[in-house]
Amino acid sequence: MRKTGVEIRIDRDRCMGSGNCVFWAPDTFSLDDDGQSAVISNAVADLDKIMLAVQGCPVQAISVMSAGDGLTVQPL
């Protein structure tokens, strides 16, 4: 996946605010005032950490999309 054109989304209806994403990728995620995950930066500094956050989400609320090739990555 290219490092440009990446969009990270959080399904707020699924998010339970576990904070796993913040643990794995603190430069990308934070918890907002409602206790739910929020994307603070779509800049991909470390794609491996972001993918660990995707895989570590207990409710599979995070998706990563690459605009260049239409690829969508979600945990299984």
C-alpha atoms as a PDB file:
ATOM      1  CA  MET A   1       0.000   0.000   0.000  1.00  0.00           C
ATOM      2  CA  ARG A   2       1.317   3.438  -0.847  1.00  0.00           C
ATOM      3  CA  LYS A   3       1.906   5.944   1.891  1.00  0.00           C
ATOM      4  CA  THR A   4       0.100   8.735   0.050  1.00  0.00           C
ATOM      5  CA  GLY A   5      -3.643   8.942  -0.411  1.00  0.00           C
ATOM      6  CA  VAL A   6      -4.402   6.868   2.671  1.00  0.00           C
ATOM      7  CA  GLU A   7      -7.615   7.529   4.549  1.00  0.00           C
ATOM      8  CA  ILE A   8      -8.276   6.107   8.006  1.00  0.00           C
ATOM      9  CA  ARG A   9     -11.877   5.846   9.172  1.00  0.00           C
ATOM     10  CA  ILE A  10     -13.506   4.885  12.443  1.00  0.00           C
ATOM     11  CA  ASP A  11     -17.039   3.532  12.630  1.00  0.00           C
ATOM     12  CA  ARG A  12     -18.297   5.471  15.656  1.00  0.00           C
ATOM     13  CA  ASP A  13     -21.329   3.194  15.947  1.00  0.00           C
ATOM     14  CA  ARG A  14     -18.968   0.268  16.585  1.00  0.00           C
ATOM     15  CA  CYS A  15     -16.256   2.026  18.592  1.00  0.00           C
ATOM     16  CA  MET A  16     -16.349   1.191  22.294  1.00  0.00           C
ATOM     17  CA  GLY A  17     -13.371   3.337  23.303  1.00  0.00           C
ATOM     18  CA  SER A  18     -11.010   0.553  24.354  1.00  0.00           C
ATOM     19  CA  GLY A  19      -7.994   2.717  23.498  1.00  0.00           C
ATOM     20  CA  ASN A  20      -6.083  -0.090  21.763  1.00  0.00           C
ATOM     21  CA  CYS A  21      -5.642   2.088  18.684  1.00  0.00           C
ATOM     22  CA  VAL A  22      -4.161   4.891  20.780  1.00  0.00           C
ATOM     23  CA  PHE A  23      -1.759   2.401  22.367  1.00  0.00           C
ATOM     24  CA  TRP A  24      -0.550   1.063  19.001  1.00  0.00           C
ATOM     25  CA  ALA A  25      -0.524   4.317  16.996  1.00  0.00           C
ATOM     26  CA  PRO A  26      -0.629   7.373  19.295  1.00  0.00           C
ATOM     27  CA  ASP A  27       0.439   9.716  16.475  1.00  0.00           C
ATOM     28  CA  THR A  28      -2.650   8.715  14.495  1.00  0.00           C
ATOM     29  CA  PHE A  29      -5.404   8.125  17.082  1.00  0.00           C
ATOM     30  CA  SER A  30      -6.701   9.676  20.283  1.00  0.00           C
ATOM     31  CA  LEU A  31      -9.810   9.335  22.417  1.00  0.00           C
ATOM     32  CA  ASP A  32     -12.237  12.223  22.108  1.00  0.00           C
ATOM     33  CA  ASP A  33     -14.392  13.836  24.792  1.00  0.00           C
ATOM     34  CA  ASP A  34     -17.000  11.085  24.325  1.00  0.00           C
ATOM     35  CA  GLY A  35     -14.389   8.399  25.021  1.00  0.00           C
ATOM     36  CA  GLN A  36     -14.390   7.173  21.432  1.00  0.00           C
ATOM     37  CA  SER A  37     -11.479   6.867  19.061  1.00  0.00           C
ATOM     38  CA  ALA A  38     -10.721   9.743  16.716  1.00  0.00           C
ATOM     39  CA  VAL A  39      -8.245  10.057  13.877  1.00  0.00           C
ATOM     40  CA  ILE A  40      -5.908  12.946  14.664  1.00  0.00           C
ATOM     41  CA  SER A  41      -3.770  12.514  11.553  1.00  0.00           C
ATOM     42  CA  ASN A  42      -4.175  10.720   8.237  1.00  0.00           C
ATOM     43  CA  ALA A  43      -0.461  11.208   7.613  1.00  0.00           C
ATOM     44  CA  VAL A  44       1.065   7.759   7.582  1.00  0.00           C
ATOM     45  CA  ALA A  45       4.226   7.953   9.642  1.00  0.00           C
ATOM     46  CA  ASP A  46       4.290   4.238  10.415  1.00  0.00           C
ATOM     47  CA  LEU A  47       1.883   2.053   8.478  1.00  0.00           C
ATOM     48  CA  ASP A  48       2.885  -1.009  10.516  1.00  0.00           C
ATOM     49  CA  LYS A  49       1.670   0.669  13.737  1.00  0.00           C
ATOM     50  CA  ILE A  50      -1.568   1.728  12.086  1.00  0.00           C
ATOM     51  CA  MET A  51      -2.180  -1.829  10.891  1.00  0.00           C
ATOM     52  CA  LEU A  52      -1.518  -3.112  14.439  1.00  0.00           C
ATOM     53  CA  ALA A  53      -4.190  -0.666  15.620  1.00  0.00           C
ATOM     54  CA  VAL A  54      -6.603  -1.967  12.969  1.00  0.00           C
ATOM     55  CA  GLN A  55      -5.951  -5.563  13.975  1.00  0.00           C
ATOM     56  CA  GLY A  56      -6.074  -4.737  17.699  1.00  0.00           C
ATOM     57  CA  CYS A  57      -9.484  -3.090  17.610  1.00  0.00           C
ATOM     58  CA  PRO A  58     -11.786  -5.447  19.547  1.00  0.00           C
ATOM     59  CA  VAL A  59     -14.866  -4.348  17.604  1.00  0.00           C
ATOM     60  CA  GLN A  60     -13.253  -3.919  14.164  1.00  0.00           C
ATOM     61  CA  ALA A  61     -14.211  -0.249  13.962  1.00  0.00           C
ATOM     62  CA  ILE A  62     -11.132   0.948  12.022  1.00  0.00           C
ATOM     63  CA  SER A  63     -10.658   0.787   8.269  1.00  0.00           C
ATOM     64  CA  VAL A  64      -7.786   2.008   6.126  1.00  0.00           C
ATOM     65  CA  MET A  65      -8.339   2.956   2.511  1.00  0.00           C
ATOM     66  CA  SER A  66      -5.900   3.826  -0.218  1.00  0.00           C
ATOM     67  CA  ALA A  67      -7.397   6.284  -2.672  1.00  0.00           C
ATOM     68  CA  GLY A  68      -4.869   5.436  -5.366  1.00  0.00           C
ATOM     69  CA  ASP A  69      -5.852   1.815  -5.910  1.00  0.00           C
ATOM     70  CA  GLY A  70      -9.235   1.566  -4.189  1.00  0.00           C
ATOM     71  CA  LEU A  71      -7.882  -0.901  -1.638  1.00  0.00           C
ATOM     72  CA  THR A  72      -9.734  -1.170   1.654  1.00  0.00           C
ATOM     73  CA  VAL A  73      -8.096  -2.950   4.558  1.00  0.00           C
ATOM     74  CA  GLN A  74     -10.142  -4.127   7.516  1.00  0.00           C
ATOM     75  CA  PRO A  75      -9.414  -6.794  10.134  1.00  0.00           C
ATOM     76  CA  LEU A  76     -10.784 -10.277   9.613  1.00  0.00           C
END
